[in-house]
Amino acid sequence: METYKVKWIDIWKGLSKGFIITILIGFSLMILARAMKCGFDYGETFKYLTPLGWLGFFIVSCVLGAALMLVPALLLTAHKVVIKDDMIYGRSYWSPRRQIPINDVDALEAFRSTGFVGFKVKSRKYGSLLFPVQIENLDRLIQRISKNLPDK
Protein backbone atom coordinates (compact mmCIF):
# COMPACT_ATOMS: atom_id res chain seq x y z
CA MET A 1 0.00 0.00 0.00
CA GLU A 2 1.38 3.37 -1.04
CA THR A 3 -0.01 6.49 0.63
CA TYR A 4 0.67 9.98 -0.71
CA LYS A 5 -0.32 12.61 1.85
CA VAL A 6 -1.10 16.25 1.12
CA LYS A 7 1.44 18.82 2.35
CA TRP A 8 -1.17 21.00 4.01
CA ILE A 9 1.39 23.35 5.58
CA ASP A 10 2.66 24.34 2.12
CA ILE A 11 -0.93 24.95 0.99
CA TRP A 12 -1.62 27.00 4.12
CA LYS A 13 1.51 29.12 3.58
CA GLY A 14 0.54 29.79 -0.04
CA LEU A 15 -3.06 30.72 0.81
CA SER A 16 -1.93 32.94 3.71
CA LYS A 17 0.65 34.69 1.53
CA GLY A 18 -1.98 35.46 -1.11
CA PHE A 19 -4.40 36.71 1.54
CA ILE A 20 -1.79 38.96 3.17
CA ILE A 21 -0.75 40.45 -0.19
CA THR A 22 -4.40 41.16 -0.94
CA ILE A 23 -4.87 42.81 2.46
CA LEU A 24 -1.66 44.85 2.03
CA ILE A 25 -2.76 46.15 -1.38
CA GLY A 26 -6.27 46.87 -0.07
CA PHE A 27 -5.03 48.79 2.98
CA SER A 28 -2.52 50.73 0.89
CA LEU A 29 -5.22 51.76 -1.61
CA MET A 30 -7.57 52.66 1.24
CA ILE A 31 -4.97 54.93 2.90
CA LEU A 32 -4.08 56.48 -0.49
CA ALA A 33 -7.74 57.17 -1.27
CA ARG A 34 -8.24 58.71 2.17
CA ALA A 35 -5.11 60.86 1.72
CA MET A 36 -6.28 62.04 -1.72
CA LYS A 37 -9.74 62.85 -0.35
CA CYS A 38 -8.18 64.91 2.44
CA GLY A 39 -5.80 66.77 0.11
CA PHE A 40 -2.76 64.82 1.40
CA ASP A 41 -3.14 66.49 4.80
CA TYR A 42 -1.48 64.15 7.31
CA GLY A 43 -3.61 65.27 10.26
CA GLU A 44 -6.85 64.90 8.33
CA THR A 45 -5.84 61.57 6.74
CA PHE A 46 -5.18 59.95 10.12
CA LYS A 47 -7.87 61.88 12.00
CA TYR A 48 -9.72 58.82 13.31
CA LEU A 49 -6.94 56.26 13.34
CA THR A 50 -3.25 56.88 13.91
CA PRO A 51 -0.57 55.26 11.73
CA LEU A 52 0.12 52.91 14.63
CA GLY A 53 -3.59 52.07 14.76
CA TRP A 54 -3.59 51.32 11.01
CA LEU A 55 -0.57 49.07 11.52
CA GLY A 56 -2.31 47.24 14.38
CA PHE A 57 -5.47 46.86 12.29
CA PHE A 58 -3.37 45.47 9.42
CA ILE A 59 -1.50 43.00 11.67
CA VAL A 60 -4.72 41.75 13.29
CA SER A 61 -6.27 41.32 9.82
CA CYS A 62 -3.27 39.32 8.60
CA VAL A 63 -3.26 37.04 11.65
CA LEU A 64 -7.01 36.50 11.38
CA GLY A 65 -6.65 35.83 7.64
CA ALA A 66 -3.88 33.30 8.20
CA ALA A 67 -6.06 31.56 10.78
CA LEU A 68 -8.98 31.48 8.34
CA MET A 69 -6.78 30.06 5.56
CA LEU A 70 -6.04 27.12 7.83
CA VAL A 71 -9.56 25.75 7.24
CA PRO A 72 -9.28 25.15 3.45
CA ALA A 73 -5.72 23.87 3.86
CA LEU A 74 -6.88 21.26 6.37
CA LEU A 75 -9.87 20.35 4.19
CA LEU A 76 -7.50 19.57 1.32
CA THR A 77 -5.78 16.90 3.43
CA ALA A 78 -8.72 14.68 2.45
CA HIS A 79 -7.30 14.60 -1.10
CA LYS A 80 -4.56 12.15 -0.19
CA VAL A 81 -3.99 9.36 -2.69
CA VAL A 82 -3.66 5.68 -1.79
CA ILE A 83 -2.59 2.98 -4.23
CA LYS A 84 -3.48 -0.48 -2.95
CA ASP A 85 -4.08 -3.75 -4.80
CA ASP A 86 -3.88 -2.04 -8.23
CA MET A 87 -6.58 0.47 -7.22
CA ILE A 88 -6.17 4.23 -6.85
CA TYR A 89 -8.19 5.70 -4.00
CA GLY A 90 -8.76 9.44 -3.82
CA ARG A 91 -11.34 12.21 -3.98
CA SER A 92 -13.24 13.77 -6.85
CA TYR A 93 -13.80 17.52 -7.29
CA TRP A 94 -16.58 17.81 -4.70
CA SER A 95 -14.66 15.47 -2.37
CA PRO A 96 -16.66 12.23 -2.49
CA ARG A 97 -14.38 9.22 -2.27
CA ARG A 98 -13.58 7.52 -5.51
CA GLN A 99 -11.60 4.47 -6.53
CA ILE A 100 -10.26 3.68 -9.97
CA PRO A 101 -8.52 0.47 -11.04
CA ILE A 102 -5.04 1.53 -12.09
CA ASN A 103 -5.39 -0.37 -15.39
CA ASP A 104 -8.53 1.63 -16.30
CA VAL A 105 -6.83 5.04 -16.07
CA ASP A 106 -7.26 6.79 -19.43
CA ALA A 107 -5.49 10.08 -18.77
CA LEU A 108 -3.47 12.08 -16.28
CA GLU A 109 -3.73 15.79 -16.84
CA ALA A 110 -2.97 19.07 -15.09
CA PHE A 111 -5.96 20.70 -13.43
CA ARG A 112 -6.62 24.22 -12.18
CA SER A 113 -9.89 25.55 -10.82
CA THR A 114 -10.73 28.21 -8.24
CA GLY A 115 -7.34 28.08 -6.59
CA PHE A 116 -7.03 24.29 -6.65
CA VAL A 117 -3.93 23.40 -8.63
CA GLY A 118 -3.30 19.73 -9.14
CA PHE A 119 -3.73 16.71 -11.34
CA LYS A 120 -6.79 14.86 -12.56
CA VAL A 121 -6.73 11.09 -13.01
CA LYS A 122 -9.44 10.24 -15.54
CA SER A 123 -11.21 7.00 -16.33
CA ARG A 124 -14.14 6.73 -18.73
CA LYS A 125 -15.77 4.01 -16.67
CA TYR A 126 -15.04 5.18 -13.11
CA GLY A 127 -14.92 8.99 -13.37
CA SER A 128 -12.02 11.08 -12.16
CA LEU A 129 -10.14 11.92 -9.00
CA LEU A 130 -8.00 14.91 -8.13
CA PHE A 131 -4.93 15.52 -6.07
CA PRO A 132 -3.07 18.79 -5.41
CA VAL A 133 0.48 19.48 -6.55
CA GLN A 134 1.48 19.86 -2.89
CA ILE A 135 1.56 16.14 -2.23
CA GLU A 136 4.36 13.95 -0.88
CA ASN A 137 6.46 12.19 -3.53
CA LEU A 138 4.58 13.80 -6.41
CA ASP A 139 7.12 12.59 -9.00
CA ARG A 140 6.85 9.00 -7.84
CA LEU A 141 3.03 9.16 -7.87
CA ILE A 142 2.95 10.59 -11.40
CA GLN A 143 5.40 7.93 -12.61
CA ARG A 144 3.33 5.18 -10.98
CA ILE A 145 0.14 6.37 -12.65
CA SER A 146 1.79 7.19 -16.00
CA LYS A 147 3.27 3.71 -16.20
CA ASN A 148 -0.24 2.30 -16.68
CA LEU A 149 -1.51 4.88 -19.16
CA PRO A 150 -2.52 3.59 -22.59
CA ASP A 151 -0.11 4.40 -25.41
CA LYS A 152 -1.32 7.03 -27.83
C-alpha atoms as a PDB file:
ATOM      1  CA  MET A   1       0.000   0.000   0.000  1.00  0.00           C
ATOM      2  CA  GLU A   2       1.377   3.373  -1.042  1.00  0.00           C
ATOM      3  CA  THR A   3      -0.007   6.485   0.632  1.00  0.00           C
ATOM      4  CA  TYR A   4       0.669   9.984  -0.711  1.00  0.00           C
ATOM      5  CA  LYS A   5      -0.325  12.611   1.853  1.00  0.00           C
ATOM      6  CA  VAL A   6      -1.100  16.250   1.120  1.00  0.00           C
ATOM      7  CA  LYS A   7       1.444  18.815   2.346  1.00  0.00           C
ATOM      8  CA  TRP A   8      -1.170  20.996   4.015  1.00  0.00           C
ATOM      9  CA  ILE A   9       1.392  23.346   5.582  1.00  0.00           C
ATOM     10  CA  ASP A  10       2.658  24.340   2.116  1.00  0.00           C
ATOM     11  CA  ILE A  11      -0.927  24.947   0.989  1.00  0.00           C
ATOM     12  CA  TRP A  12      -1.623  27.004   4.120  1.00  0.00           C
ATOM     13  CA  LYS A  13       1.507  29.117   3.578  1.00  0.00           C
ATOM     14  CA  GLY A  14       0.536  29.794  -0.044  1.00  0.00           C
ATOM     15  CA  LEU A  15      -3.058  30.724   0.812  1.00  0.00           C
ATOM     16  CA  SER A  16      -1.928  32.940   3.709  1.00  0.00           C
ATOM     17  CA  LYS A  17       0.652  34.694   1.530  1.00  0.00           C
ATOM     18  CA  GLY A  18      -1.983  35.460  -1.110  1.00  0.00           C
ATOM     19  CA  PHE A  19      -4.400  36.712   1.540  1.00  0.00           C
ATOM     20  CA  ILE A  20      -1.791  38.955   3.175  1.00  0.00           C
ATOM     21  CA  ILE A  21      -0.753  40.446  -0.189  1.00  0.00           C
ATOM     22  CA  THR A  22      -4.404  41.165  -0.942  1.00  0.00           C
ATOM     23  CA  ILE A  23      -4.872  42.815   2.456  1.00  0.00           C
ATOM     24  CA  LEU A  24      -1.662  44.854   2.029  1.00  0.00           C
ATOM     25  CA  ILE A  25      -2.762  46.152  -1.375  1.00  0.00           C
ATOM     26  CA  GLY A  26      -6.266  46.871  -0.067  1.00  0.00           C
ATOM     27  CA  PHE A  27      -5.028  48.786   2.981  1.00  0.00           C
ATOM     28  CA  SER A  28      -2.523  50.731   0.885  1.00  0.00           C
ATOM     29  CA  LEU A  29      -5.223  51.758  -1.606  1.00  0.00           C
ATOM     30  CA  MET A  30      -7.567  52.663   1.237  1.00  0.00           C
ATOM     31  CA  ILE A  31      -4.968  54.925   2.897  1.00  0.00           C
ATOM     32  CA  LEU A  32      -4.079  56.481  -0.489  1.00  0.00           C
ATOM     33  CA  ALA A  33      -7.743  57.167  -1.269  1.00  0.00           C
ATOM     34  CA  ARG A  34      -8.236  58.715   2.175  1.00  0.00           C
ATOM     35  CA  ALA A  35      -5.109  60.856   1.724  1.00  0.00           C
ATOM     36  CA  MET A  36      -6.277  62.041  -1.720  1.00  0.00           C
ATOM     37  CA  LYS A  37      -9.738  62.847  -0.345  1.00  0.00           C
ATOM     38  CA  CYS A  38      -8.180  64.911   2.436  1.00  0.00           C
ATOM     39  CA  GLY A  39      -5.802  66.774   0.105  1.00  0.00           C
ATOM     40  CA  PHE A  40      -2.764  64.825   1.399  1.00  0.00           C
ATOM     41  CA  ASP A  41      -3.136  66.489   4.804  1.00  0.00           C
ATOM     42  CA  TYR A  42      -1.478  64.152   7.313  1.00  0.00           C
ATOM     43  CA  GLY A  43      -3.607  65.266  10.259  1.00  0.00           C
ATOM     44  CA  GLU A  44      -6.846  64.899   8.327  1.00  0.00           C
ATOM     45  CA  THR A  45      -5.843  61.569   6.742  1.00  0.00           C
ATOM     46  CA  PHE A  46      -5.177  59.946  10.119  1.00  0.00           C
ATOM     47  CA  LYS A  47      -7.874  61.877  11.996  1.00  0.00           C
ATOM     48  CA  TYR A  48      -9.724  58.822  13.312  1.00  0.00           C
ATOM     49  CA  LEU A  49      -6.939  56.259  13.337  1.00  0.00           C
ATOM     50  CA  THR A  50      -3.249  56.880  13.913  1.00  0.00           C
ATOM     51  CA  PRO A  51      -0.572  55.261  11.729  1.00  0.00           C
ATOM     52  CA  LEU A  52       0.123  52.906  14.631  1.00  0.00           C
ATOM     53  CA  GLY A  53      -3.592  52.074  14.761  1.00  0.00           C
ATOM     54  CA  TRP A  54      -3.591  51.320  11.014  1.00  0.00           C
ATOM     55  CA  LEU A  55      -0.569  49.067  11.525  1.00  0.00           C
ATOM     56  CA  GLY A  56      -2.315  47.240  14.378  1.00  0.00           C
ATOM     57  CA  PHE A  57      -5.465  46.859  12.289  1.00  0.00           C
ATOM     58  CA  PHE A  58      -3.366  45.469   9.416  1.00  0.00           C
ATOM     59  CA  ILE A  59      -1.501  42.996  11.669  1.00  0.00           C
ATOM     60  CA  VAL A  60      -4.725  41.749  13.287  1.00  0.00           C
ATOM     61  CA  SER A  61      -6.275  41.322   9.824  1.00  0.00           C
ATOM     62  CA  CYS A  62      -3.270  39.323   8.603  1.00  0.00           C
ATOM     63  CA  VAL A  63      -3.260  37.042  11.653  1.00  0.00           C
ATOM     64  CA  LEU A  64      -7.010  36.502  11.384  1.00  0.00           C
ATOM     65  CA  GLY A  65      -6.648  35.834   7.638  1.00  0.00           C
ATOM     66  CA  ALA A  66      -3.876  33.296   8.200  1.00  0.00           C
ATOM     67  CA  ALA A  67      -6.057  31.562  10.782  1.00  0.00           C
ATOM     68  CA  LEU A  68      -8.979  31.483   8.337  1.00  0.00           C
ATOM     69  CA  MET A  69      -6.781  30.063   5.561  1.00  0.00           C
ATOM     70  CA  LEU A  70      -6.036  27.125   7.828  1.00  0.00           C
ATOM     71  CA  VAL A  71      -9.556  25.746   7.236  1.00  0.00           C
ATOM     72  CA  PRO A  72      -9.284  25.154   3.452  1.00  0.00           C
ATOM     73  CA  ALA A  73      -5.720  23.870   3.860  1.00  0.00           C
ATOM     74  CA  LEU A  74      -6.878  21.264   6.372  1.00  0.00           C
ATOM     75  CA  LEU A  75      -9.872  20.345   4.194  1.00  0.00           C
ATOM     76  CA  LEU A  76      -7.504  19.566   1.319  1.00  0.00           C
ATOM     77  CA  THR A  77      -5.782  16.897   3.426  1.00  0.00           C
ATOM     78  CA  ALA A  78      -8.717  14.676   2.446  1.00  0.00           C
ATOM     79  CA  HIS A  79      -7.298  14.605  -1.099  1.00  0.00           C
ATOM     80  CA  LYS A  80      -4.561  12.152  -0.194  1.00  0.00           C
ATOM     81  CA  VAL A  81      -3.989   9.364  -2.693  1.00  0.00           C
ATOM     82  CA  VAL A  82      -3.656   5.679  -1.788  1.00  0.00           C
ATOM     83  CA  ILE A  83      -2.594   2.977  -4.225  1.00  0.00           C
ATOM     84  CA  LYS A  84      -3.481  -0.481  -2.955  1.00  0.00           C
ATOM     85  CA  ASP A  85      -4.076  -3.752  -4.796  1.00  0.00           C
ATOM     86  CA  ASP A  86      -3.883  -2.039  -8.227  1.00  0.00           C
ATOM     87  CA  MET A  87      -6.584   0.473  -7.222  1.00  0.00           C
ATOM     88  CA  ILE A  88      -6.170   4.233  -6.847  1.00  0.00           C
ATOM     89  CA  TYR A  89      -8.194   5.702  -3.996  1.00  0.00           C
ATOM     90  CA  GLY A  90      -8.759   9.440  -3.823  1.00  0.00           C
ATOM     91  CA  ARG A  91     -11.339  12.206  -3.984  1.00  0.00           C
ATOM     92  CA  SER A  92     -13.242  13.765  -6.854  1.00  0.00           C
ATOM     93  CA  TYR A  93     -13.804  17.521  -7.293  1.00  0.00           C
ATOM     94  CA  TRP A  94     -16.580  17.814  -4.698  1.00  0.00           C
ATOM     95  CA  SER A  95     -14.656  15.469  -2.369  1.00  0.00           C
ATOM     96  CA  PRO A  96     -16.663  12.226  -2.492  1.00  0.00           C
ATOM     97  CA  ARG A  97     -14.384   9.220  -2.266  1.00  0.00           C
ATOM     98  CA  ARG A  98     -13.583   7.521  -5.508  1.00  0.00           C
ATOM     99  CA  GLN A  99     -11.601   4.472  -6.531  1.00  0.00           C
ATOM    100  CA  ILE A 100     -10.255   3.677  -9.967  1.00  0.00           C
ATOM    101  CA  PRO A 101      -8.521   0.471 -11.037  1.00  0.00           C
ATOM    102  CA  ILE A 102      -5.037   1.527 -12.094  1.00  0.00           C
ATOM    103  CA  ASN A 103      -5.392  -0.374 -15.391  1.00  0.00           C
ATOM    104  CA  ASP A 104      -8.531   1.634 -16.296  1.00  0.00           C
ATOM    105  CA  VAL A 105      -6.827   5.042 -16.069  1.00  0.00           C
ATOM    106  CA  ASP A 106      -7.257   6.786 -19.426  1.00  0.00           C
ATOM    107  CA  ALA A 107      -5.488  10.084 -18.770  1.00  0.00           C
ATOM    108  CA  LEU A 108      -3.472  12.075 -16.277  1.00  0.00           C
ATOM    109  CA  GLU A 109      -3.725  15.795 -16.845  1.00  0.00           C
ATOM    110  CA  ALA A 110      -2.970  19.068 -15.095  1.00  0.00           C
ATOM    111  CA  PHE A 111      -5.962  20.695 -13.427  1.00  0.00           C
ATOM    112  CA  ARG A 112      -6.616  24.223 -12.182  1.00  0.00           C
ATOM    113  CA  SER A 113      -9.889  25.546 -10.821  1.00  0.00           C
ATOM    114  CA  THR A 114     -10.734  28.215  -8.237  1.00  0.00           C
ATOM    115  CA  GLY A 115      -7.339  28.081  -6.594  1.00  0.00           C
ATOM    116  CA  PHE A 116      -7.033  24.285  -6.652  1.00  0.00           C
ATOM    117  CA  VAL A 117      -3.931  23.399  -8.634  1.00  0.00           C
ATOM    118  CA  GLY A 118      -3.302  19.726  -9.135  1.00  0.00           C
ATOM    119  CA  PHE A 119      -3.730  16.706 -11.344  1.00  0.00           C
ATOM    120  CA  LYS A 120      -6.787  14.863 -12.559  1.00  0.00           C
ATOM    121  CA  VAL A 121      -6.726  11.087 -13.014  1.00  0.00           C
ATOM    122  CA  LYS A 122      -9.443  10.237 -15.538  1.00  0.00           C
ATOM    123  CA  SER A 123     -11.212   7.003 -16.327  1.00  0.00           C
ATOM    124  CA  ARG A 124     -14.142   6.730 -18.731  1.00  0.00           C
ATOM    125  CA  LYS A 125     -15.766   4.008 -16.675  1.00  0.00           C
ATOM    126  CA  TYR A 126     -15.035   5.179 -13.109  1.00  0.00           C
ATOM    127  CA  GLY A 127     -14.923   8.987 -13.374  1.00  0.00           C
ATOM    128  CA  SER A 128     -12.019  11.077 -12.160  1.00  0.00           C
ATOM    129  CA  LEU A 129     -10.142  11.920  -9.005  1.00  0.00           C
ATOM    130  CA  LEU A 130      -8.004  14.913  -8.128  1.00  0.00           C
ATOM    131  CA  PHE A 131      -4.932  15.519  -6.066  1.00  0.00           C
ATOM    132  CA  PRO A 132      -3.068  18.788  -5.411  1.00  0.00           C
ATOM    133  CA  VAL A 133       0.483  19.477  -6.553  1.00  0.00           C
ATOM    134  CA  GLN A 134       1.477  19.859  -2.888  1.00  0.00           C
ATOM    135  CA  ILE A 135       1.561  16.137  -2.231  1.00  0.00           C
ATOM    136  CA  GLU A 136       4.359  13.953  -0.883  1.00  0.00           C
ATOM    137  CA  ASN A 137       6.464  12.190  -3.530  1.00  0.00           C
ATOM    138  CA  LEU A 138       4.585  13.800  -6.406  1.00  0.00           C
ATOM    139  CA  ASP A 139       7.119  12.590  -8.997  1.00  0.00           C
ATOM    140  CA  ARG A 140       6.850   8.998  -7.841  1.00  0.00           C
ATOM    141  CA  LEU A 141       3.033   9.157  -7.871  1.00  0.00           C
ATOM    142  CA  ILE A 142       2.945  10.589 -11.396  1.00  0.00           C
ATOM    143  CA  GLN A 143       5.398   7.927 -12.607  1.00  0.00           C
ATOM    144  CA  ARG A 144       3.333   5.181 -10.977  1.00  0.00           C
ATOM    145  CA  ILE A 145       0.137   6.370 -12.653  1.00  0.00           C
ATOM    146  CA  SER A 146       1.787   7.189 -16.003  1.00  0.00           C
ATOM    147  CA  LYS A 147       3.274   3.710 -16.199  1.00  0.00           C
ATOM    148  CA  ASN A 148      -0.240   2.303 -16.677  1.00  0.00           C
ATOM    149  CA  LEU A 149      -1.514   4.878 -19.162  1.00  0.00           C
ATOM    150  CA  PRO A 150      -2.520   3.585 -22.588  1.00  0.00           C
ATOM    151  CA  ASP A 151      -0.106   4.401 -25.410  1.00  0.00           C
ATOM    152  CA  LYS A 152      -1.320   7.026 -27.832  1.00  0.00           C
END
